[in-house]
């Protein structure tokens, strides 16, 4: 999958530091903010079923959407 570029690895250099900053800015968990930092790094939307992550994460990265069909979390 890597050779066919179906999956691409993102180097951790810089992603961790940015995730830490995002966690403080969003007042959200570092684990979730690692996803935010990776999405931001590749300029991709982040789709989540976690309402609080979407609400808080938007403070640090605006391109977050809630998964369709999710009513509460």
PDB file of N, CA and C in Angstrom:
ATOM      1  N   UNK A   1       0.807  -1.174   0.000  1.00  0.00           N
ATOM      2  CA  UNK A   1       0.000   0.000   0.000  1.00  0.00           C
ATOM      3  C   UNK A   1       0.868   1.262   0.000  1.00  0.00           C
ATOM      4  N   UNK A   2       2.009   1.196   0.674  1.00  0.00           N
ATOM      5  CA  UNK A   2       2.907   2.337   0.650  1.00  0.00           C
ATOM      6  C   UNK A   2       3.486   2.546  -0.742  1.00  0.00           C
ATOM      7  N   UNK A   3       3.874   1.465  -1.392  1.00  0.00           N
ATOM      8  CA  UNK A   3       4.457   1.576  -2.724  1.00  0.00           C
ATOM      9  C   UNK A   3       3.459   2.113  -3.741  1.00  0.00           C
ATOM     10  N   UNK A   4       2.194   1.754  -3.581  1.00  0.00           N
ATOM     11  CA  UNK A   4       1.162   2.228  -4.514  1.00  0.00           C
ATOM     12  C   UNK A   4       0.562   3.556  -4.081  1.00  0.00           C
ATOM     13  N   UNK A   5       1.089   4.111  -2.998  1.00  0.00           N
ATOM     14  CA  UNK A   5       0.678   5.408  -2.457  1.00  0.00           C
ATOM     15  C   UNK A   5      -0.793   5.462  -2.047  1.00  0.00           C
ATOM     16  N   UNK A   6      -1.285   4.317  -1.585  1.00  0.00           N
ATOM     17  CA  UNK A   6      -2.634   4.264  -1.022  1.00  0.00           C
ATOM     18  C   UNK A   6      -2.578   4.808   0.402  1.00  0.00           C
ATOM     19  N   UNK A   7      -1.491   4.471   1.086  1.00  0.00           N
ATOM     20  CA  UNK A   7      -1.244   4.943   2.439  1.00  0.00           C
ATOM     21  C   UNK A   7       0.045   5.748   2.405  1.00  0.00           C
ATOM     22  N   UNK A   8       0.032   6.889   3.063  1.00  0.00           N
ATOM     23  CA  UNK A   8       1.227   7.714   3.133  1.00  0.00           C
ATOM     24  C   UNK A   8       1.556   7.975   4.592  1.00  0.00           C
ATOM     25  N   UNK A   9       2.808   7.779   4.947  1.00  0.00           N
ATOM     26  CA  UNK A   9       3.243   8.036   6.314  1.00  0.00           C
ATOM     27  C   UNK A   9       3.599   9.509   6.468  1.00  0.00           C
ATOM     28  N   UNK A  10       3.278  10.049   7.633  1.00  0.00           N
ATOM     29  CA  UNK A  10       3.605  11.437   7.931  1.00  0.00           C
ATOM     30  C   UNK A  10       4.720  11.432   8.958  1.00  0.00           C
ATOM     31  N   UNK A  11       5.839  12.074   8.670  1.00  0.00           N
ATOM     32  CA  UNK A  11       6.926  12.113   9.653  1.00  0.00           C
ATOM     33  C   UNK A  11       6.457  12.774  10.944  1.00  0.00           C
ATOM     34  N   UNK A  12       6.921  12.249  12.063  1.00  0.00           N
ATOM     35  CA  UNK A  12       6.476  12.810  13.343  1.00  0.00           C
ATOM     36  C   UNK A  12       7.168  14.114  13.697  1.00  0.00           C
ATOM     37  N   UNK A  13       8.230  14.448  12.993  1.00  0.00           N
ATOM     38  CA  UNK A  13       8.938  15.702  13.272  1.00  0.00           C
ATOM     39  C   UNK A  13       7.984  16.882  13.077  1.00  0.00           C
ATOM     40  N   UNK A  14       7.762  17.614  14.107  1.00  0.00           N
ATOM     41  CA  UNK A  14       6.891  18.775  14.024  1.00  0.00           C
ATOM     42  C   UNK A  14       5.442  18.484  14.338  1.00  0.00           C
ATOM     43  N   UNK A  15       4.961  17.284  14.049  1.00  0.00           N
ATOM     44  CA  UNK A  15       3.557  16.962  14.318  1.00  0.00           C
ATOM     45  C   UNK A  15       3.309  16.893  15.816  1.00  0.00           C
ATOM     46  N   UNK A  16       4.216  16.289  16.557  1.00  0.00           N
ATOM     47  CA  UNK A  16       4.025  16.166  17.994  1.00  0.00           C
ATOM     48  C   UNK A  16       4.006  17.535  18.663  1.00  0.00           C
ATOM     49  N   UNK A  17       4.969  18.381  18.311  1.00  0.00           N
ATOM     50  CA  UNK A  17       5.030  19.705  18.910  1.00  0.00           C
ATOM     51  C   UNK A  17       3.773  20.510  18.600  1.00  0.00           C
ATOM     52  N   UNK A  18       3.302  20.429  17.368  1.00  0.00           N
ATOM     53  CA  UNK A  18       2.090  21.143  16.996  1.00  0.00           C
ATOM     54  C   UNK A  18       0.874  20.576  17.723  1.00  0.00           C
ATOM     55  N   UNK A  19       0.836  19.272  17.903  1.00  0.00           N
ATOM     56  CA  UNK A  19      -0.273  18.645  18.618  1.00  0.00           C
ATOM     57  C   UNK A  19      -0.315  19.108  20.071  1.00  0.00           C
ATOM     58  N   UNK A  20       0.837  19.254  20.684  1.00  0.00           N
ATOM     59  CA  UNK A  20       0.888  19.749  22.058  1.00  0.00           C
ATOM     60  C   UNK A  20       0.325  21.162  22.122  1.00  0.00           C
ATOM     61  N   UNK A  21       0.729  22.011  21.191  1.00  0.00           N
ATOM     62  CA  UNK A  21       0.208  23.380  21.150  1.00  0.00           C
ATOM     63  C   UNK A  21      -1.305  23.379  20.920  1.00  0.00           C
ATOM     64  N   UNK A  22      -1.768  22.525  20.019  1.00  0.00           N
ATOM     65  CA  UNK A  22      -3.200  22.432  19.744  1.00  0.00           C
ATOM     66  C   UNK A  22      -3.974  21.958  20.967  1.00  0.00           C
ATOM     67  N   UNK A  23      -3.399  21.017  21.713  1.00  0.00           N
ATOM     68  CA  UNK A  23      -4.067  20.494  22.905  1.00  0.00           C
ATOM     69  C   UNK A  23      -4.289  21.609  23.929  1.00  0.00           C
ATOM     70  N   UNK A  24      -3.291  22.456  24.095  1.00  0.00           N
ATOM     71  CA  UNK A  24      -3.451  23.587  25.007  1.00  0.00           C
ATOM     72  C   UNK A  24      -4.460  24.590  24.459  1.00  0.00           C
ATOM     73  N   UNK A  25      -4.352  24.887  23.173  1.00  0.00           N
ATOM     74  CA  UNK A  25      -5.251  25.861  22.552  1.00  0.00           C
ATOM     75  C   UNK A  25      -6.702  25.380  22.585  1.00  0.00           C
ATOM     76  N   UNK A  26      -6.921  24.112  22.270  1.00  0.00           N
ATOM     77  CA  UNK A  26      -8.270  23.559  22.193  1.00  0.00           C
ATOM     78  C   UNK A  26      -8.772  23.077  23.554  1.00  0.00           C
ATOM     79  N   UNK A  27      -7.844  22.951  24.505  1.00  0.00           N
ATOM     80  CA  UNK A  27      -8.178  22.363  25.813  1.00  0.00           C
ATOM     81  C   UNK A  27      -8.788  20.982  25.629  1.00  0.00           C
ATOM     82  N   UNK A  28      -8.057  20.196  24.852  1.00  0.00           N
ATOM     83  CA  UNK A  28      -8.505  18.850  24.508  1.00  0.00           C
ATOM     84  C   UNK A  28      -7.319  17.903  24.632  1.00  0.00           C
ATOM     85  N   UNK A  29      -7.583  16.607  24.521  1.00  0.00           N
ATOM     86  CA  UNK A  29      -6.536  15.610  24.742  1.00  0.00           C
ATOM     87  C   UNK A  29      -5.447  15.648  23.667  1.00  0.00           C
ATOM     88  N   UNK A  30      -4.249  15.338  24.100  1.00  0.00           N
ATOM     89  CA  UNK A  30      -3.126  15.271  23.169  1.00  0.00           C
ATOM     90  C   UNK A  30      -3.357  14.187  22.124  1.00  0.00           C
ATOM     91  N   UNK A  31      -3.900  13.059  22.531  1.00  0.00           N
ATOM     92  CA  UNK A  31      -4.136  11.958  21.581  1.00  0.00           C
ATOM     93  C   UNK A  31      -5.008  12.420  20.419  1.00  0.00           C
ATOM     94  N   UNK A  32      -6.100  13.103  20.719  1.00  0.00           N
ATOM     95  CA  UNK A  32      -6.963  13.600  19.644  1.00  0.00           C
ATOM     96  C   UNK A  32      -6.278  14.696  18.835  1.00  0.00           C
ATOM     97  N   UNK A  33      -5.494  15.511  19.505  1.00  0.00           N
ATOM     98  CA  UNK A  33      -4.828  16.607  18.801  1.00  0.00           C
ATOM     99  C   UNK A  33      -3.722  16.119  17.872  1.00  0.00           C
ATOM    100  N   UNK A  34      -3.228  14.910  18.089  1.00  0.00           N
ATOM    101  CA  UNK A  34      -2.290  14.328  17.119  1.00  0.00           C
ATOM    102  C   UNK A  34      -2.982  14.133  15.774  1.00  0.00           C
ATOM    103  N   UNK A  35      -4.254  13.721  15.810  1.00  0.00           N
ATOM    104  CA  UNK A  35      -5.025  13.597  14.570  1.00  0.00           C
ATOM    105  C   UNK A  35      -5.213  14.966  13.928  1.00  0.00           C
ATOM    106  N   UNK A  36      -5.506  15.968  14.748  1.00  0.00           N
ATOM    107  CA  UNK A  36      -5.681  17.323  14.224  1.00  0.00           C
ATOM    108  C   UNK A  36      -4.403  17.821  13.553  1.00  0.00           C
ATOM    109  N   UNK A  37      -3.282  17.629  14.216  1.00  0.00           N
ATOM    110  CA  UNK A  37      -2.005  18.092  13.670  1.00  0.00           C
ATOM    111  C   UNK A  37      -1.667  17.366  12.372  1.00  0.00           C
ATOM    112  N   UNK A  38      -1.959  16.073  12.310  1.00  0.00           N
ATOM    113  CA  UNK A  38      -1.696  15.320  11.074  1.00  0.00           C
ATOM    114  C   UNK A  38      -2.595  15.810   9.954  1.00  0.00           C
ATOM    115  N   UNK A  39      -3.864  16.055  10.245  1.00  0.00           N
ATOM    116  CA  UNK A  39      -4.783  16.571   9.223  1.00  0.00           C
ATOM    117  C   UNK A  39      -4.326  17.936   8.733  1.00  0.00           C
ATOM    118  N   UNK A  40      -3.915  18.778   9.657  1.00  0.00           N
ATOM    119  CA  UNK A  40      -3.444  20.102   9.277  1.00  0.00           C
ATOM    120  C   UNK A  40      -2.190  20.003   8.419  1.00  0.00           C
ATOM    121  N   UNK A  41      -1.294  19.088   8.786  1.00  0.00           N
ATOM    122  CA  UNK A  41      -0.033  18.930   8.048  1.00  0.00           C
ATOM    123  C   UNK A  41      -0.283  18.626   6.579  1.00  0.00           C
ATOM    124  N   UNK A  42      -1.298  17.809   6.286  1.00  0.00           N
ATOM    125  CA  UNK A  42      -1.570  17.452   4.886  1.00  0.00           C
ATOM    126  C   UNK A  42      -2.759  18.226   4.314  1.00  0.00           C
ATOM    127  N   UNK A  43      -3.221  19.242   5.084  1.00  0.00           N
ATOM    128  CA  UNK A  43      -4.327  20.099   4.648  1.00  0.00           C
ATOM    129  C   UNK A  43      -5.554  19.274   4.274  1.00  0.00           C
ATOM    130  N   UNK A  44      -5.948  18.407   5.193  1.00  0.00           N
ATOM    131  CA  UNK A  44      -7.076  17.509   4.955  1.00  0.00           C
ATOM    132  C   UNK A  44      -8.166  17.757   5.990  1.00  0.00           C
ATOM    133  N   UNK A  45      -9.407  17.493   5.638  1.00  0.00           N
ATOM    134  CA  UNK A  45     -10.460  17.601   6.642  1.00  0.00           C
ATOM    135  C   UNK A  45     -10.353  16.462   7.646  1.00  0.00           C
ATOM    136  N   UNK A  46     -10.785  16.727   8.853  1.00  0.00           N
ATOM    137  CA  UNK A  46     -10.849  15.689   9.878  1.00  0.00           C
ATOM    138  C   UNK A  46     -12.323  15.430  10.143  1.00  0.00           C
ATOM    139  N   UNK A  47     -12.732  14.182  10.051  1.00  0.00           N
ATOM    140  CA  UNK A  47     -14.120  13.801  10.299  1.00  0.00           C
ATOM    141  C   UNK A  47     -14.139  12.956  11.562  1.00  0.00           C
ATOM    142  N   UNK A  48     -15.011  13.316  12.491  1.00  0.00           N
ATOM    143  CA  UNK A  48     -15.066  12.640  13.781  1.00  0.00           C
ATOM    144  C   UNK A  48     -16.509  12.388  14.194  1.00  0.00           C
ATOM    145  N   UNK A  49     -16.696  11.389  15.032  1.00  0.00           N
ATOM    146  CA  UNK A  49     -18.006  11.137  15.638  1.00  0.00           C
ATOM    147  C   UNK A  49     -18.048  11.719  17.045  1.00  0.00           C
ATOM    148  N   UNK A  50     -16.976  12.355  17.458  1.00  0.00           N
ATOM    149  CA  UNK A  50     -16.827  12.904  18.802  1.00  0.00           C
ATOM    150  C   UNK A  50     -17.183  14.389  18.795  1.00  0.00           C
ATOM    151  N   UNK A  51     -18.385  14.696  19.295  1.00  0.00           N
ATOM    152  CA  UNK A  51     -18.855  16.081  19.315  1.00  0.00           C
ATOM    153  C   UNK A  51     -17.932  17.026  20.064  1.00  0.00           C
ATOM    154  N   UNK A  52     -17.503  16.676  21.294  1.00  0.00           N
ATOM    155  CA  UNK A  52     -16.587  17.565  22.011  1.00  0.00           C
ATOM    156  C   UNK A  52     -15.268  17.784  21.265  1.00  0.00           C
ATOM    157  N   UNK A  53     -14.769  16.744  20.597  1.00  0.00           N
ATOM    158  CA  UNK A  53     -13.536  16.933  19.823  1.00  0.00           C
ATOM    159  C   UNK A  53     -13.765  17.933  18.711  1.00  0.00           C
ATOM    160  N   UNK A  54     -14.888  17.811  18.024  1.00  0.00           N
ATOM    161  CA  UNK A  54     -15.187  18.764  16.960  1.00  0.00           C
ATOM    162  C   UNK A  54     -15.311  20.175  17.519  1.00  0.00           C
ATOM    163  N   UNK A  55     -16.047  20.313  18.614  1.00  0.00           N
ATOM    164  CA  UNK A  55     -16.267  21.638  19.183  1.00  0.00           C
ATOM    165  C   UNK A  55     -14.975  22.272  19.683  1.00  0.00           C
ATOM    166  N   UNK A  56     -14.182  21.527  20.416  1.00  0.00           N
ATOM    167  CA  UNK A  56     -12.930  22.061  20.966  1.00  0.00           C
ATOM    168  C   UNK A  56     -11.837  22.144  19.913  1.00  0.00           C
ATOM    169  N   UNK A  57     -11.774  21.113  19.065  1.00  0.00           N
ATOM    170  CA  UNK A  57     -10.720  21.055  18.054  1.00  0.00           C
ATOM    171  C   UNK A  57     -10.802  22.170  17.039  1.00  0.00           C
ATOM    172  N   UNK A  58     -11.997  22.687  16.815  1.00  0.00           N
ATOM    173  CA  UNK A  58     -12.169  23.777  15.860  1.00  0.00           C
ATOM    174  C   UNK A  58     -11.391  25.015  16.292  1.00  0.00           C
ATOM    175  N   UNK A  59     -11.122  25.140  17.581  1.00  0.00           N
ATOM    176  CA  UNK A  59     -10.302  26.261  18.076  1.00  0.00           C
ATOM    177  C   UNK A  59      -8.885  26.203  17.506  1.00  0.00           C
ATOM    178  N   UNK A  60      -8.410  24.986  17.248  1.00  0.00           N
ATOM    179  CA  UNK A  60      -7.038  24.810  16.787  1.00  0.00           C
ATOM    180  C   UNK A  60      -6.939  24.531  15.289  1.00  0.00           C
ATOM    181  N   UNK A  61      -7.982  23.954  14.715  1.00  0.00           N
ATOM    182  CA  UNK A  61      -7.974  23.614  13.282  1.00  0.00           C
ATOM    183  C   UNK A  61      -9.416  23.642  12.801  1.00  0.00           C
ATOM    184  N   UNK A  62      -9.723  24.525  11.908  1.00  0.00           N
ATOM    185  CA  UNK A  62     -11.100  24.771  11.513  1.00  0.00           C
ATOM    186  C   UNK A  62     -11.728  23.767  10.578  1.00  0.00           C
ATOM    187  N   UNK A  63     -10.968  22.852  10.023  1.00  0.00           N
ATOM    188  CA  UNK A  63     -11.497  21.950   9.005  1.00  0.00           C
ATOM    189  C   UNK A  63     -11.913  20.613   9.642  1.00  0.00           C
ATOM    190  N   UNK A  64     -12.861  20.681  10.598  1.00  0.00           N
ATOM    191  CA  UNK A  64     -13.342  19.486  11.290  1.00  0.00           C
ATOM    192  C   UNK A  64     -14.843  19.378  11.071  1.00  0.00           C
ATOM    193  N   UNK A  65     -15.305  18.172  10.766  1.00  0.00           N
ATOM    194  CA  UNK A  65     -16.724  17.924  10.565  1.00  0.00           C
ATOM    195  C   UNK A  65     -17.146  16.758  11.430  1.00  0.00           C
ATOM    196  N   UNK A  66     -18.432  16.771  11.785  1.00  0.00           N
ATOM    197  CA  UNK A  66     -18.988  15.652  12.536  1.00  0.00           C
ATOM    198  C   UNK A  66     -19.468  14.608  11.535  1.00  0.00           C
ATOM    199  N   UNK A  67     -19.273  13.356  11.843  1.00  0.00           N
ATOM    200  CA  UNK A  67     -19.677  12.264  10.982  1.00  0.00           C
ATOM    201  C   UNK A  67     -21.181  12.281  10.790  1.00  0.00           C
ATOM    202  N   UNK A  68     -21.634  12.174   9.572  1.00  0.00           N
ATOM    203  CA  UNK A  68     -23.067  12.183   9.283  1.00  0.00           C
ATOM    204  C   UNK A  68     -23.790  11.059  10.004  1.00  0.00           C
ATOM    205  N   UNK A  69     -24.989  11.361  10.513  1.00  0.00           N
ATOM    206  CA  UNK A  69     -25.778  10.371  11.193  1.00  0.00           C
ATOM    207  C   UNK A  69     -25.524  10.301  12.687  1.00  0.00           C
ATOM    208  N   UNK A  70     -24.519  11.014  13.172  1.00  0.00           N
ATOM    209  CA  UNK A  70     -24.205  11.024  14.594  1.00  0.00           C
ATOM    210  C   UNK A  70     -25.051  12.104  15.247  1.00  0.00           C
ATOM    211  N   UNK A  71     -25.833  11.723  16.239  1.00  0.00           N
ATOM    212  CA  UNK A  71     -26.710  12.684  16.885  1.00  0.00           C
ATOM    213  C   UNK A  71     -26.144  13.188  18.211  1.00  0.00           C
ATOM    214  N   UNK A  72     -25.419  12.356  18.935  1.00  0.00           N
ATOM    215  CA  UNK A  72     -24.820  12.811  20.187  1.00  0.00           C
ATOM    216  C   UNK A  72     -23.655  11.911  20.547  1.00  0.00           C
ATOM    217  N   UNK A  73     -22.814  12.449  21.435  1.00  0.00           N
ATOM    218  CA  UNK A  73     -21.665  11.670  21.882  1.00  0.00           C
ATOM    219  C   UNK A  73     -21.348  12.030  23.302  1.00  0.00           C
TER     220      UNK A  73
END
